Amino acid sequence: MEVVILSGADEIASLAADVFVALLSRKPDAVVGLATGSSPLGVYASLIERHSAGDVSFVGVKAFLLDEYVGLPAEHPQRYRSVIGEVIEQHVDFAPGAVRGPDGNAADLPAACARYEAAIAAAGGVDVQLLGIGTDGHVGFNEPGSSLSSRTRVKTLTSQTRADNARFFPAAADVPRHVLTQGLGTISDARHLLLVATGLGKAAAVRAMVEGPVSAFCPASVLQLHQHVTVLLDDDAASSLALGDYYRETYAHKPAWQGL
């Protein structure tokens, strides 16, 4: 796991976008994993700027979403498939049908989850998966207690996660209780995991993810077992790390040829 501590959200977004641009320059038909929430928004804005400047194309790219609410109608603005369309898809040149998400309105949700797993595998697996982290250490919607080898499935959201997401809905009671999410095992199958986190509110979760034990109590801690993980943090999100100075020193002296 490489931990990179940067000055702020703009620098994080630019460096994260660099990862995608580098991937697509060498593999134009790459498969990418897209996350929703607040943390990735700057990354998408940077990618849109790069696309507008002619620096990157998504025309051959396939994309898979991490998760989706169960039961939100297709036209609901907080349906994650709609959110991804608004924050990046409609601004770049994805081919029609190239972006897919779990079907939260399927009549048979377990079957929909199995189909989604099969679709990711058929596409060749995810090359770079963008991630955020919840205040309780969840990634995707894998809440504390999730199996570290779990696959795409139905999950029940904790009260904390629903409270954290209430800002996107008219009222807290409107946040769905159930979701479909890629499992921790599914996420771990991606070849490169790229996690971004900013703000003091994420500091405790980041500490548990990076320096705590690998445990279902902090689902994100499973990233410690992955062979290629990049964690991009601002000073606030990194403020509880015991080895923060070491991470800064290591990145400052990293050979340029290594990249991320």
Protein backbone atom coordinates (compact mmCIF):
# COMPACT_ATOMS: atom_id res chain seq x y z
CA MET A 1 0.00 0.00 0.00
CA GLU A 2 1.39 3.37 -1.04
CA VAL A 3 0.15 6.32 1.03
CA VAL A 4 0.56 9.73 -0.60
CA ILE A 5 -0.18 12.82 1.49
CA LEU A 6 -0.85 15.93 -0.57
CA SER A 7 -1.69 19.56 0.08
CA GLY A 8 -5.37 19.44 -0.74
CA ALA A 9 -8.27 18.14 -2.80
CA ASP A 10 -7.18 19.77 -6.07
CA GLU A 11 -3.75 18.11 -5.99
CA ILE A 12 -5.34 14.78 -5.09
CA ALA A 13 -7.81 15.04 -7.97
CA SER A 14 -5.08 15.88 -10.46
CA LEU A 15 -2.82 13.01 -9.39
CA ALA A 16 -5.72 10.54 -9.41
CA ALA A 17 -6.67 11.71 -12.91
CA ASP A 18 -3.06 11.15 -13.96
CA VAL A 19 -3.49 7.47 -13.08
CA PHE A 20 -6.47 7.10 -15.41
CA VAL A 21 -4.86 9.09 -18.21
CA ALA A 22 -1.72 6.96 -18.02
CA LEU A 23 -3.79 3.77 -18.05
CA LEU A 24 -5.86 4.78 -21.06
CA SER A 25 -2.81 5.98 -22.98
CA ARG A 26 -1.32 2.48 -22.83
CA LYS A 27 -4.60 0.55 -22.84
CA PRO A 28 -7.40 2.44 -24.63
CA ASP A 29 -9.85 -0.42 -24.06
CA ALA A 30 -9.26 -0.57 -20.31
CA VAL A 31 -11.93 -1.45 -17.76
CA VAL A 32 -12.35 1.10 -14.98
CA GLY A 33 -14.28 1.05 -11.72
CA LEU A 34 -16.23 4.18 -10.81
CA ALA A 35 -17.31 5.27 -7.33
CA THR A 36 -19.92 7.78 -6.24
CA GLY A 37 -20.02 10.02 -3.17
CA SER A 38 -18.21 13.29 -2.56
CA SER A 39 -14.60 12.09 -2.64
CA PRO A 40 -14.38 11.17 -6.36
CA LEU A 41 -16.03 14.36 -7.68
CA GLY A 42 -12.77 16.27 -8.05
CA VAL A 43 -11.25 13.32 -9.89
CA TYR A 44 -14.11 13.30 -12.39
CA ALA A 45 -13.86 17.08 -12.84
CA SER A 46 -10.16 16.74 -13.61
CA LEU A 47 -10.81 13.91 -16.09
CA ILE A 48 -13.45 16.00 -17.84
CA GLU A 49 -10.92 18.82 -18.18
CA ARG A 50 -8.33 16.40 -19.61
CA HIS A 51 -10.90 15.05 -22.06
CA SER A 52 -11.91 18.54 -23.17
CA ALA A 53 -8.24 19.34 -23.75
CA GLY A 54 -7.88 16.23 -25.92
CA ASP A 55 -5.58 14.47 -23.49
CA VAL A 56 -7.74 11.39 -22.91
CA SER A 57 -10.56 9.48 -24.59
CA PHE A 58 -13.00 7.01 -23.07
CA VAL A 59 -14.41 5.78 -26.36
CA GLY A 60 -13.04 2.25 -25.94
CA VAL A 61 -13.42 2.05 -22.17
CA LYS A 62 -15.83 -0.10 -20.19
CA ALA A 63 -16.85 1.07 -16.71
CA PHE A 64 -18.51 -0.61 -13.75
CA LEU A 65 -20.05 1.10 -10.75
CA LEU A 66 -19.28 -0.03 -7.23
CA ASP A 67 -22.82 -0.02 -5.91
CA GLU A 68 -26.43 1.03 -6.23
CA TYR A 69 -29.40 1.73 -3.99
CA VAL A 70 -32.22 -0.81 -4.01
CA GLY A 71 -35.62 0.43 -5.06
CA LEU A 72 -34.90 3.96 -6.29
CA PRO A 73 -36.78 4.59 -9.55
CA ALA A 74 -34.71 5.01 -12.70
CA GLU A 75 -35.43 8.75 -12.82
CA HIS A 76 -34.40 9.41 -9.20
CA PRO A 77 -31.51 11.92 -9.10
CA GLN A 78 -29.69 9.99 -6.36
CA ARG A 79 -29.76 6.67 -8.15
CA TYR A 80 -26.05 6.04 -8.58
CA ARG A 81 -26.38 5.18 -12.23
CA SER A 82 -27.93 8.65 -12.70
CA VAL A 83 -25.27 10.34 -10.58
CA ILE A 84 -22.42 8.84 -12.61
CA GLY A 85 -24.16 9.96 -15.78
CA GLU A 86 -24.33 13.50 -14.46
CA VAL A 87 -20.86 13.84 -12.96
CA ILE A 88 -18.79 12.26 -15.73
CA GLU A 89 -20.45 10.04 -18.33
CA GLN A 90 -22.34 12.76 -20.21
CA HIS A 91 -19.25 14.98 -20.31
CA VAL A 92 -16.86 12.53 -21.97
CA ASP A 93 -17.01 10.07 -24.86
CA PHE A 94 -18.00 6.72 -23.37
CA ALA A 95 -19.66 4.57 -26.01
CA PRO A 96 -23.38 3.83 -25.49
CA GLY A 97 -23.80 1.02 -22.99
CA ALA A 98 -20.18 1.14 -21.85
CA VAL A 99 -21.06 2.19 -18.30
CA ARG A 100 -22.88 -0.37 -16.18
CA GLY A 101 -24.11 -0.56 -12.62
CA PRO A 102 -25.86 -3.17 -10.48
CA ASP A 103 -29.63 -3.35 -11.08
CA GLY A 104 -31.21 -2.14 -7.86
CA ASN A 105 -34.70 -2.59 -9.33
CA ALA A 106 -34.34 -6.21 -10.42
CA ALA A 107 -37.13 -8.59 -9.46
CA ASP A 108 -34.50 -11.12 -8.38
CA LEU A 109 -31.71 -9.19 -6.64
CA PRO A 110 -29.37 -12.15 -5.95
CA ALA A 111 -29.58 -13.12 -9.62
CA ALA A 112 -28.84 -9.52 -10.62
CA CYS A 113 -25.75 -9.60 -8.40
CA ALA A 114 -24.56 -12.82 -10.01
CA ARG A 115 -25.06 -11.33 -13.48
CA TYR A 116 -23.06 -8.28 -12.48
CA GLU A 117 -20.16 -10.39 -11.24
CA ALA A 118 -20.25 -12.32 -14.52
CA ALA A 119 -20.26 -9.10 -16.56
CA ILE A 120 -17.15 -7.79 -14.80
CA ALA A 121 -15.38 -11.10 -15.37
CA ALA A 122 -16.43 -11.20 -19.02
CA ALA A 123 -15.00 -7.72 -19.54
CA GLY A 124 -11.63 -8.97 -18.33
CA GLY A 125 -11.74 -7.55 -14.82
CA VAL A 126 -11.17 -4.01 -13.62
CA ASP A 127 -7.83 -2.34 -14.36
CA VAL A 128 -8.18 0.64 -11.99
CA GLN A 129 -10.87 0.87 -9.33
CA LEU A 130 -11.56 4.30 -7.84
CA LEU A 131 -12.59 4.16 -4.18
CA GLY A 132 -13.63 6.39 -1.30
CA ILE A 133 -13.92 5.40 2.35
CA GLY A 134 -16.81 5.86 4.75
CA THR A 135 -16.44 7.26 8.25
CA ASP A 136 -16.94 3.73 9.60
CA GLY A 137 -14.32 2.26 7.24
CA HIS A 138 -16.65 0.93 4.58
CA VAL A 139 -15.66 0.78 0.91
CA GLY A 140 -18.39 0.40 -1.62
CA PHE A 141 -21.27 -0.36 0.71
CA ASN A 142 -19.39 -3.09 2.56
CA GLU A 143 -20.31 -2.12 6.10
CA PRO A 144 -18.37 -3.25 9.21
CA GLY A 145 -18.76 -6.99 9.62
CA SER A 146 -18.60 -7.68 5.90
CA SER A 147 -16.73 -10.77 4.78
CA LEU A 148 -13.30 -9.87 3.45
CA SER A 149 -13.89 -12.30 0.55
CA SER A 150 -17.47 -11.20 -0.22
CA ARG A 151 -18.87 -10.84 -3.73
CA THR A 152 -21.56 -8.55 -5.16
CA ARG A 153 -24.64 -8.87 -2.98
CA VAL A 154 -27.45 -7.13 -1.09
CA LYS A 155 -26.41 -5.20 2.03
CA THR A 156 -28.30 -3.33 4.74
CA LEU A 157 -26.91 0.12 5.48
CA THR A 158 -25.97 1.12 9.01
CA SER A 159 -27.61 4.10 10.66
CA GLN A 160 -24.27 5.93 10.43
CA THR A 161 -24.01 5.46 6.67
CA ARG A 162 -27.60 6.51 6.15
CA ALA A 163 -26.95 9.61 8.26
CA ASP A 164 -23.80 10.39 6.26
CA ASN A 165 -25.75 10.10 2.99
CA ALA A 166 -28.79 12.04 4.19
CA ARG A 167 -27.32 15.26 2.78
CA PHE A 168 -28.12 13.97 -0.70
CA PHE A 169 -31.82 13.39 0.06
CA PRO A 170 -34.70 15.64 1.16
CA ALA A 171 -34.79 13.88 4.55
CA ALA A 172 -32.82 11.18 6.35
CA ALA A 173 -35.81 8.86 6.18
CA ASP A 174 -35.59 8.94 2.38
CA VAL A 175 -32.19 7.21 2.28
CA PRO A 176 -32.80 3.60 1.23
CA ARG A 177 -31.92 0.91 3.76
CA HIS A 178 -30.74 -1.62 1.22
CA VAL A 179 -28.14 -1.53 -1.53
CA LEU A 180 -26.34 -3.74 -4.01
CA THR A 181 -22.58 -3.53 -3.69
CA GLN A 182 -19.51 -5.14 -5.10
CA GLY A 183 -18.03 -7.26 -2.34
CA LEU A 184 -14.61 -6.84 -0.80
CA GLY A 185 -13.44 -9.87 -2.76
CA THR A 186 -14.80 -8.37 -5.97
CA ILE A 187 -13.09 -5.04 -5.30
CA SER A 188 -9.85 -6.81 -4.45
CA ASP A 189 -9.86 -8.50 -7.86
CA ALA A 190 -9.14 -5.14 -9.54
CA ARG A 191 -5.53 -4.81 -10.63
CA HIS A 192 -5.01 -1.33 -9.13
CA LEU A 193 -7.01 0.17 -6.27
CA LEU A 194 -6.98 3.97 -6.06
CA LEU A 195 -8.54 5.40 -2.90
CA VAL A 196 -9.02 9.11 -2.21
CA ALA A 197 -9.99 10.66 1.13
CA THR A 198 -10.09 14.20 2.44
CA GLY A 199 -11.08 15.91 5.66
CA LEU A 200 -10.83 15.30 9.39
CA GLY A 201 -14.01 13.26 9.32
CA LYS A 202 -12.15 10.49 7.48
CA ALA A 203 -9.02 10.51 9.68
CA ALA A 204 -10.03 7.71 12.06
CA ALA A 205 -11.19 5.46 9.23
CA VAL A 206 -7.99 6.12 7.29
CA ARG A 207 -5.87 5.23 10.31
CA ALA A 208 -7.75 1.97 10.79
CA MET A 209 -7.48 1.15 7.09
CA VAL A 210 -3.76 1.86 6.73
CA GLU A 211 -2.26 1.07 10.14
CA GLY A 212 -4.84 -1.01 11.99
CA PRO A 213 -5.29 -4.77 11.90
CA VAL A 214 -6.89 -6.38 8.87
CA SER A 215 -10.37 -6.92 10.21
CA ALA A 216 -13.99 -6.96 9.15
CA PHE A 217 -14.46 -4.25 11.78
CA CYS A 218 -12.81 -1.90 9.24
CA PRO A 219 -13.69 -3.33 5.83
CA ALA A 220 -11.23 -1.03 4.05
CA SER A 221 -8.36 -2.67 5.93
CA VAL A 222 -8.58 -5.52 3.41
CA LEU A 223 -6.71 -3.19 1.05
CA GLN A 224 -3.56 -3.97 3.06
CA LEU A 225 -3.57 -7.40 1.41
CA HIS A 226 -3.69 -6.08 -2.15
CA GLN A 227 -0.50 -5.92 -4.21
CA HIS A 228 -1.19 -2.51 -5.82
CA VAL A 229 -3.01 0.09 -3.73
CA THR A 230 -2.58 3.86 -3.89
CA VAL A 231 -4.10 5.96 -1.11
CA LEU A 232 -4.28 9.72 -1.78
CA LEU A 233 -4.92 11.86 1.32
CA ASP A 234 -4.95 15.48 2.33
CA ASP A 235 -3.31 16.59 5.58
CA ASP A 236 -6.56 16.37 7.55
CA ALA A 237 -7.40 12.84 6.45
CA ALA A 238 -3.80 11.80 7.23
CA SER A 239 -3.67 13.56 10.59
CA SER A 240 -4.11 10.44 12.74
CA LEU A 241 -1.49 8.32 10.97
CA ALA A 242 1.41 7.30 13.18
CA LEU A 243 3.73 6.99 10.18
CA GLY A 244 2.62 10.16 8.40
CA ASP A 245 6.12 11.63 8.28
CA TYR A 246 7.47 8.41 6.80
CA TYR A 247 4.81 8.39 4.08
CA ARG A 248 5.67 11.99 3.18
CA GLU A 249 9.39 11.27 3.08
CA THR A 250 8.92 8.14 1.00
CA TYR A 251 6.82 9.90 -1.62
CA ALA A 252 9.15 12.93 -1.72
CA HIS A 253 12.07 10.66 -2.64
CA LYS A 254 10.22 8.22 -4.88
CA PRO A 255 11.97 7.50 -8.19
CA ALA A 256 10.06 9.18 -11.00
CA TRP A 257 10.09 6.05 -13.14
CA GLN A 258 7.98 4.14 -10.61
CA GLY A 259 4.83 6.17 -11.16
CA LEU A 260 1.73 5.21 -9.19
